[in-house]
Protein backbone atom coordinates (compact mmCIF):
# COMPACT_ATOMS: atom_id res chain seq x y z
CA MET A 1 241.83 38.64 295.61
CA ILE A 2 241.94 34.98 295.04
CA SER A 3 245.13 33.57 294.33
CA MET A 4 245.73 30.99 291.58
CA THR A 5 246.23 28.19 294.05
CA ASP A 6 243.04 28.93 295.77
CA PHE A 7 241.25 29.06 292.38
CA PHE A 8 242.77 25.88 291.34
CA MET A 9 241.84 23.88 294.63
CA ARG A 10 238.38 25.36 294.29
CA CYS A 11 238.05 23.89 290.59
CA CYS A 12 239.34 20.65 291.71
CA LYS A 13 236.99 20.03 294.41
CA LYS A 14 234.00 21.22 291.96
CA LEU A 15 235.33 18.76 289.43
CA PHE A 16 235.88 15.77 292.08
CA SER A 17 232.24 16.48 293.59
CA ALA A 18 230.80 16.34 289.67
CA LEU A 19 232.90 13.15 289.52
CA LEU A 20 231.53 11.32 292.53
CA ARG A 21 228.03 12.37 291.47
CA GLY A 22 228.40 11.19 288.39
CA ILE A 23 229.58 7.67 289.68
CA PHE A 24 226.89 7.58 292.26
CA LEU A 25 224.60 7.88 289.07
CA VAL A 26 226.22 5.22 287.42
CA CYS A 27 226.24 2.91 289.95
CA LEU A 28 222.66 3.49 290.77
CA PHE A 29 221.55 2.64 287.44
CA ALA A 30 223.85 -0.16 286.94
CA ALA A 31 221.91 -1.42 290.31
CA ASN A 32 218.65 -0.89 288.72
CA ALA A 33 219.50 -2.56 285.73
CA GLN A 34 220.69 -5.69 287.75
CA ALA A 35 217.63 -5.70 289.68
CA GLU A 36 215.39 -6.40 286.47
CA GLY A 37 215.25 -9.67 284.91
CA ILE A 38 215.79 -13.21 285.82
CA ALA A 39 218.59 -14.68 287.92
CA ILE A 40 218.95 -18.02 289.29
CA ASP A 41 219.04 -18.42 292.92
CA LYS A 42 218.90 -22.07 293.92
CA ALA A 43 218.60 -25.16 292.30
CA GLU A 44 218.43 -28.94 293.63
CA ILE A 45 217.13 -32.21 293.03
CA ARG A 46 214.56 -33.76 295.24
CA ARG A 47 212.78 -37.04 295.96
CA SER A 48 209.38 -37.65 294.69
CA GLU A 49 206.60 -40.10 295.09
CA ASP A 50 207.30 -40.91 291.27
CA GLY A 51 211.11 -40.81 291.67
CA TYR A 52 212.82 -37.47 291.65
CA GLN A 53 212.07 -33.80 290.70
CA LEU A 54 214.68 -30.91 289.65
CA PHE A 55 213.73 -27.66 291.46
CA ALA A 56 214.96 -24.08 290.78
CA SER A 57 214.16 -20.70 292.28
CA TYR A 58 214.66 -17.39 290.54
CA ASP A 59 215.04 -13.75 291.65
CA ILE A 60 212.63 -12.32 288.98
CA LYS A 61 211.82 -8.60 288.42
CA LEU A 62 209.81 -7.80 285.35
CA ASN A 63 210.87 -4.57 283.96
CA PHE A 64 208.58 -1.58 282.72
CA VAL A 65 208.26 -2.46 279.00
CA VAL A 66 206.84 -6.23 280.12
CA THR A 67 204.67 -4.72 282.85
CA GLN A 68 203.24 -2.11 280.19
CA ALA A 69 202.17 -5.02 277.80
CA LEU A 70 200.65 -6.87 280.67
CA SER A 71 198.59 -3.71 281.64
CA ARG A 72 197.12 -3.50 278.44
CA GLY A 73 196.13 -6.94 278.33
CA ILE A 74 198.91 -8.58 276.35
CA PRO A 75 199.69 -12.05 277.55
CA ILE A 76 203.34 -13.17 278.49
CA TYR A 77 204.63 -16.43 278.06
CA PHE A 78 207.56 -18.09 279.88
CA VAL A 79 209.19 -21.36 279.58
CA SER A 80 210.60 -23.34 282.35
CA GLU A 81 213.45 -25.82 281.21
CA PHE A 82 215.06 -28.74 283.19
CA SER A 83 217.92 -30.96 281.90
CA LEU A 84 219.60 -34.08 283.07
CA THR A 85 222.76 -35.47 281.21
CA HIS A 86 224.72 -38.54 282.53
CA ALA A 87 228.48 -37.75 282.58
CA ARG A 88 230.19 -41.38 282.33
CA TRP A 89 233.61 -39.80 283.13
CA SER A 90 233.72 -37.21 285.90
CA TRP A 91 237.07 -35.92 285.00
CA LEU A 92 236.13 -35.29 281.46
CA ASP A 93 232.99 -33.59 282.83
CA ALA A 94 235.07 -31.11 284.89
CA ALA A 95 237.08 -30.39 281.81
CA GLN A 96 234.41 -29.68 279.55
CA GLN A 97 232.99 -27.26 282.00
CA ALA A 98 236.25 -25.46 281.96
CA VAL A 99 236.36 -25.18 278.12
CA LEU A 100 232.68 -24.21 278.10
CA ARG A 101 233.42 -21.32 280.20
CA THR A 102 236.19 -19.83 278.22
CA LEU A 103 234.19 -20.02 274.94
CA PRO A 104 231.94 -17.19 273.68
CA ARG A 105 228.04 -18.03 273.83
CA TYR A 106 227.28 -17.50 270.28
CA PHE A 107 229.77 -20.54 269.82
CA VAL A 108 228.45 -22.62 272.41
CA GLY A 109 225.01 -21.86 271.96
CA ASP A 110 222.14 -22.21 274.53
CA SER A 111 221.65 -25.83 274.64
CA PRO A 112 222.46 -27.47 278.07
CA ARG A 113 224.47 -30.42 276.51
CA ARG A 114 228.05 -30.37 276.82
CA LEU A 115 230.95 -30.88 274.03
CA SER A 116 231.48 -34.74 274.81
CA TRP A 117 230.13 -37.42 272.55
CA LEU A 118 230.56 -39.23 275.72
CA ASP A 119 227.67 -37.63 277.52
CA LYS A 120 224.30 -38.46 277.21
CA GLU A 121 220.89 -36.30 277.83
CA ILE A 122 218.81 -38.77 279.72
CA PHE A 123 215.84 -36.21 280.72
CA HIS A 124 214.35 -32.89 279.49
CA SER A 125 211.54 -31.05 280.40
CA ALA A 126 209.90 -27.83 279.22
CA GLN A 127 206.77 -26.05 280.51
CA THR A 128 205.17 -23.15 279.33
CA VAL A 129 203.74 -20.59 281.74
CA LYS A 130 201.29 -17.89 280.79
CA LEU A 131 200.96 -14.58 282.72
CA SER A 132 198.05 -12.43 281.92
CA TYR A 133 196.43 -9.35 283.27
CA SER A 134 192.49 -8.60 283.32
CA VAL A 135 191.72 -4.89 283.00
CA LEU A 136 188.09 -5.45 284.16
CA THR A 137 188.97 -7.09 287.26
CA GLY A 138 192.29 -5.84 288.08
CA ARG A 139 193.83 -8.95 288.68
CA TYR A 140 196.80 -11.13 287.32
CA ARG A 141 196.83 -14.55 286.39
CA ILE A 142 199.04 -17.70 285.77
CA SER A 143 198.04 -20.37 283.77
CA ARG A 144 199.73 -23.78 283.43
CA GLY A 145 197.50 -25.84 280.91
CA ALA A 146 194.12 -25.92 282.05
CA LEU A 147 195.19 -24.67 285.57
CA PHE A 148 195.42 -21.23 287.01
CA GLN A 149 195.81 -18.89 289.88
CA ASN A 150 194.64 -15.37 290.07
CA PHE A 151 196.70 -12.86 292.00
CA ALA A 152 196.29 -9.36 293.13
CA THR A 153 199.60 -7.90 292.71
CA LEU A 154 202.42 -8.04 290.22
CA GLU A 155 204.71 -9.06 293.22
CA ASP A 156 202.62 -12.10 294.10
CA VAL A 157 202.83 -13.08 290.51
CA GLU A 158 206.75 -12.91 290.49
CA ASN A 159 207.13 -14.82 293.65
CA ILE A 160 204.65 -17.61 292.31
CA LEU A 161 206.94 -17.62 288.94
CA ALA A 162 209.93 -17.63 290.78
CA ARG A 163 209.70 -21.26 291.93
CA GLN A 164 209.74 -23.69 288.96
CA SER A 165 210.00 -27.49 289.08
CA SER A 166 210.42 -30.37 286.44
CA THR A 167 207.83 -33.17 285.34
CA ALA A 168 208.90 -36.43 287.41
CA ILE A 169 212.13 -38.40 286.64
CA SER A 170 211.97 -41.84 286.94
CA ALA A 171 214.32 -43.49 289.65
CA GLU A 172 215.68 -45.84 286.97
CA LEU A 173 217.38 -43.15 285.14
CA LEU A 174 219.62 -42.27 288.07
CA LYS A 175 220.88 -45.81 288.88
CA LYS A 176 224.04 -45.65 286.64
CA ASN A 177 227.52 -45.06 287.92
CA GLY A 178 229.06 -41.74 287.54
CA ASP A 179 227.92 -37.95 288.12
CA TYR A 180 224.98 -36.07 286.56
CA MET A 181 224.81 -32.87 285.17
CA ALA A 182 221.59 -30.97 285.99
CA ALA A 183 220.52 -27.78 284.13
CA ALA A 184 217.71 -25.28 284.81
CA ARG A 185 216.66 -22.34 282.75
CA LEU A 186 213.68 -19.80 282.69
CA ARG A 187 212.98 -17.15 280.08
CA LEU A 188 210.24 -15.08 278.20
CA ASP A 189 209.19 -16.64 275.24
CA ILE A 190 209.23 -14.12 272.33
CA ALA A 191 207.78 -16.41 269.76
CA GLN A 192 204.47 -16.32 271.55
CA LEU A 193 203.86 -12.50 271.60
CA PRO A 194 201.76 -10.96 268.97
CA LYS A 195 203.37 -10.63 265.71
CA PRO A 196 204.02 -6.69 265.92
CA LEU A 197 205.82 -7.36 269.25
CA GLN A 198 208.09 -9.97 268.05
CA VAL A 199 209.59 -7.80 265.59
CA ASN A 200 210.29 -5.16 268.15
CA ALA A 201 211.48 -7.69 270.62
CA LEU A 202 214.06 -9.03 268.50
CA THR A 203 215.98 -5.80 268.73
CA ASP A 204 214.75 -4.49 272.08
CA ASN A 205 216.82 -5.83 274.94
CA ASP A 206 214.13 -4.93 277.21
CA TRP A 207 212.44 -8.28 275.97
CA THR A 208 215.56 -10.30 276.60
CA LEU A 209 214.42 -11.67 280.09
CA ASP A 210 216.55 -14.93 280.18
CA SER A 211 218.27 -16.48 283.39
CA ASP A 212 220.68 -18.40 281.00
CA TRP A 213 221.65 -22.16 281.85
CA TYR A 214 222.57 -22.81 285.45
CA ARG A 215 224.59 -26.29 285.71
CA TRP A 216 225.26 -28.13 288.75
CA VAL A 217 226.60 -31.90 289.34
CA ILE A 218 224.19 -34.29 291.05
CA SER A 219 226.68 -37.40 292.36
CA PRO A 220 225.48 -40.91 293.12
CA ALA A 221 226.35 -40.17 296.80
CA GLU A 222 223.74 -37.38 296.77
CA ILE A 223 221.09 -39.51 295.15
CA ALA A 224 221.72 -42.48 297.71
CA GLU A 225 221.37 -39.64 300.32
CA HIS A 226 217.73 -38.70 299.20
CA ASN A 227 216.83 -42.57 298.94
CA GLU A 228 217.81 -42.90 302.45
CA GLN A 229 215.91 -39.90 303.70
CA ASN A 230 212.90 -41.06 301.96
CA ARG A 231 213.07 -44.46 303.04
CA VAL A 232 210.03 -45.55 305.05
CA THR A 233 210.69 -48.62 307.46
CA LEU A 234 207.83 -50.81 307.70
CA PRO A 235 206.37 -52.34 310.97
CA GLU A 236 207.31 -56.15 311.72
């Protein structure tokens, strides 16, 4: 005969085991959910032949809904955006960022611009990337304007799509005193989906692939360092 204490202990063990399994499944689901989408990995400014360029790399994992649409021949469009704002007062810039982090997104909006009327956006770049799949050839294609590349696997496509750069930034724009606030973003453009899909995309979170704006400060010292590293010494 089983005592009430033993019976109680067995029930507790079963409940505890079921709870652990539930927690494990929730964590596994959360990990899979976080693995899908677009997240910023790294962003920086580099010296180029025409001045400067903003670069960003992303962690990209397209979800089932998007890959299914691709497999049926529906093209998907992504927009890569970069912004550069001149902060006249660095201390005010830091204060603004602290305020922005406390405000709800619906109030602040998606713009990379800050609240201060003293700041000025000196550069903005937006480039559209088309991703498509050919059922006949079984290959994926990334198109930027008239240029395109073909790929055998979706993983290859994600690796290429993950590296984005802005158009050239004139060196003259980065000669003012004060810090600069750079921003980068990569998102799926719902507006370029076929009309029936646009309606579904408005209420389906699976179509909300957006890294959100990532911002970082570029100081005059960093710009000077880039100039020094790229300086060419002419022979006498």
